[in-house]
Amino acid sequence: MEEYAILAGDFSAIGEASTKFKATLKMLGIPSDLVRRASVIAYEAEMNALIHGGGGVLRMTVYDDRLEIVARDEGPGIPDVSLAMQEGYSTATDEIRELGFGAGMGLPNIDRNADSLLIETEIDKGTTLLATVIFPSP
């Protein structure tokens, strides 16, 4: 298991956790297509925790048959998950958009690359995302 803190407002470090995850997965010999999918999931989850959750934690756990990526924050929560899952929908501020982020593709990209996705969210309490990538049988 690897875990990284995502610090509120630290855009200079964005992508570090997902890059480290990617290196670990490559070192473990995970097939490149699964590494790519996991990297997309981790990066988008990292971005969402930074932009919308005020920081949080990103954790990756590798099992024999799957990879689980968990992103947890204590931000405002997601008022309407089905709306947030729509491509292009974003609650990012103009400031975030000026930085080149907040296009509304985070959750849809996570969903597209995960074999399963579970989002638990509570208003004013935060959000926990669990994305799973299944390894093919040998």
Protein backbone atom coordinates (compact mmCIF):
# COMPACT_ATOMS: atom_id res chain seq x y z
CA MET A 1 0.00 0.00 0.00
CA GLU A 2 1.18 3.49 -0.85
CA GLU A 3 -0.43 6.63 0.50
CA TYR A 4 0.18 10.29 -0.29
CA ALA A 5 -1.13 13.49 1.22
CA ILE A 6 -2.62 16.03 -1.16
CA LEU A 7 -2.08 19.45 0.34
CA ALA A 8 -4.72 22.13 -0.10
CA GLY A 9 -3.74 24.70 -2.69
CA ASP A 10 -0.43 23.02 -3.60
CA PHE A 11 -0.68 23.05 -7.39
CA SER A 12 3.10 22.81 -7.68
CA ALA A 13 2.96 19.20 -6.44
CA ILE A 14 -0.01 18.10 -8.51
CA GLY A 15 0.63 14.83 -10.28
CA GLU A 16 3.41 13.71 -7.93
CA ALA A 17 1.33 11.01 -6.25
CA SER A 18 0.01 9.60 -9.52
CA THR A 19 3.53 9.65 -11.01
CA LYS A 20 4.88 7.71 -8.02
CA PHE A 21 1.99 5.23 -8.30
CA LYS A 22 2.80 4.73 -11.97
CA ALA A 23 6.47 4.03 -11.21
CA THR A 24 5.53 1.52 -8.52
CA LEU A 25 3.12 -0.32 -10.82
CA LYS A 26 5.75 -0.51 -13.57
CA MET A 27 8.28 -1.83 -11.06
CA LEU A 28 5.78 -4.53 -10.04
CA GLY A 29 5.46 -5.63 -13.67
CA ILE A 30 1.81 -4.63 -14.06
CA PRO A 31 0.83 -4.63 -17.77
CA SER A 32 1.26 -1.22 -19.40
CA ASP A 33 -2.42 -0.82 -20.37
CA LEU A 34 -3.42 -1.30 -16.71
CA VAL A 35 -0.68 1.08 -15.57
CA ARG A 36 -2.04 3.72 -17.96
CA ARG A 37 -5.61 3.28 -16.70
CA ALA A 38 -4.50 3.40 -13.07
CA SER A 39 -2.41 6.51 -13.74
CA VAL A 40 -5.40 8.32 -15.25
CA ILE A 41 -7.56 7.36 -12.27
CA ALA A 42 -4.94 8.46 -9.74
CA TYR A 43 -4.24 11.76 -11.50
CA GLU A 44 -7.90 12.71 -11.86
CA ALA A 45 -8.64 11.71 -8.25
CA GLU A 46 -5.64 13.71 -7.08
CA MET A 47 -6.83 16.76 -9.05
CA ASN A 48 -10.38 16.48 -7.71
CA ALA A 49 -9.17 16.24 -4.10
CA LEU A 50 -7.00 19.32 -4.62
CA ILE A 51 -9.49 21.43 -6.57
CA HIS A 52 -12.77 20.49 -4.92
CA GLY A 53 -11.88 18.77 -1.64
CA GLY A 54 -9.32 21.17 -0.23
CA GLY A 55 -6.68 18.43 -0.22
CA GLY A 56 -6.90 14.92 1.10
CA VAL A 57 -5.27 11.52 0.81
CA LEU A 58 -4.64 9.28 -2.18
CA ARG A 59 -3.97 5.60 -1.49
CA MET A 60 -3.13 2.71 -3.79
CA THR A 61 -3.28 -0.94 -2.73
CA VAL A 62 -2.19 -3.76 -5.03
CA TYR A 63 -3.74 -7.19 -4.52
CA ASP A 64 -3.14 -10.39 -6.49
CA ASP A 65 -6.25 -9.85 -8.61
CA ARG A 66 -6.83 -6.09 -8.57
CA LEU A 67 -5.63 -2.60 -7.81
CA GLU A 68 -7.65 -0.29 -5.58
CA ILE A 69 -7.23 3.47 -5.62
CA VAL A 70 -8.87 5.43 -2.82
CA ALA A 71 -9.09 9.22 -2.72
CA ARG A 72 -10.48 10.81 0.41
CA ASP A 73 -11.07 14.44 1.29
CA GLU A 74 -12.94 16.42 3.91
CA GLY A 75 -14.28 19.00 1.49
CA PRO A 76 -17.83 20.17 0.85
CA GLY A 77 -19.03 16.88 -0.64
CA ILE A 78 -20.75 16.39 -3.99
CA PRO A 79 -24.37 17.60 -3.97
CA ASP A 80 -25.38 15.67 -7.11
CA VAL A 81 -23.12 12.75 -8.06
CA SER A 82 -25.02 11.94 -11.26
CA LEU A 83 -24.59 15.54 -12.45
CA ALA A 84 -20.89 15.49 -11.48
CA MET A 85 -20.46 12.33 -13.59
CA GLN A 86 -21.53 14.18 -16.75
CA GLU A 87 -18.67 15.13 -19.07
CA GLY A 88 -18.09 18.87 -19.03
CA TYR A 89 -19.93 19.57 -15.78
CA SER A 90 -17.68 21.40 -13.35
CA THR A 91 -17.93 23.49 -10.22
CA ALA A 92 -14.34 24.71 -10.58
CA THR A 93 -13.78 28.42 -10.01
CA ASP A 94 -12.63 30.78 -12.73
CA GLU A 95 -9.23 30.89 -11.03
CA ILE A 96 -8.88 27.11 -11.36
CA ARG A 97 -9.97 27.24 -15.00
CA GLU A 98 -7.39 29.96 -15.71
CA LEU A 99 -4.75 27.51 -14.47
CA GLY A 100 -5.95 25.06 -17.12
CA PHE A 101 -7.90 22.73 -14.84
CA GLY A 102 -11.59 22.17 -14.06
CA ALA A 103 -12.88 21.02 -17.46
CA GLY A 104 -15.37 18.64 -15.90
CA MET A 105 -13.69 15.46 -17.10
CA GLY A 106 -12.29 14.14 -13.80
CA LEU A 107 -15.03 11.79 -12.62
CA PRO A 108 -15.99 10.69 -16.16
CA ASN A 109 -12.33 9.82 -16.88
CA ILE A 110 -12.07 7.90 -13.61
CA ASP A 111 -15.27 6.00 -14.41
CA ARG A 112 -14.10 5.22 -17.96
CA ASN A 113 -10.78 3.78 -16.74
CA ALA A 114 -12.01 1.87 -13.68
CA ASP A 115 -13.62 -1.56 -13.71
CA SER A 116 -15.72 -0.38 -10.79
CA LEU A 117 -16.21 2.97 -9.10
CA LEU A 118 -17.83 3.74 -5.78
CA ILE A 119 -18.34 7.30 -4.56
CA GLU A 120 -19.43 8.01 -1.01
CA THR A 121 -20.07 11.66 -0.29
CA GLU A 122 -21.72 13.68 2.41
CA ILE A 123 -22.36 17.42 2.29
CA ASP A 124 -19.95 19.36 4.53
CA LYS A 125 -18.19 16.10 5.49
CA GLY A 126 -16.25 15.09 2.38
CA THR A 127 -15.96 12.48 -0.31
CA THR A 128 -14.36 9.06 -0.60
CA LEU A 129 -13.81 7.54 -4.02
CA LEU A 130 -12.87 3.88 -4.55
CA ALA A 131 -11.80 2.91 -8.05
CA THR A 132 -10.86 -0.68 -8.84
CA VAL A 133 -8.84 -2.02 -11.77
CA ILE A 134 -9.14 -5.80 -12.18
CA PHE A 135 -6.08 -7.75 -13.31
CA PRO A 136 -6.67 -10.35 -16.02
CA SER A 137 -6.41 -13.98 -15.00
CA PRO A 138 -3.04 -15.53 -15.91
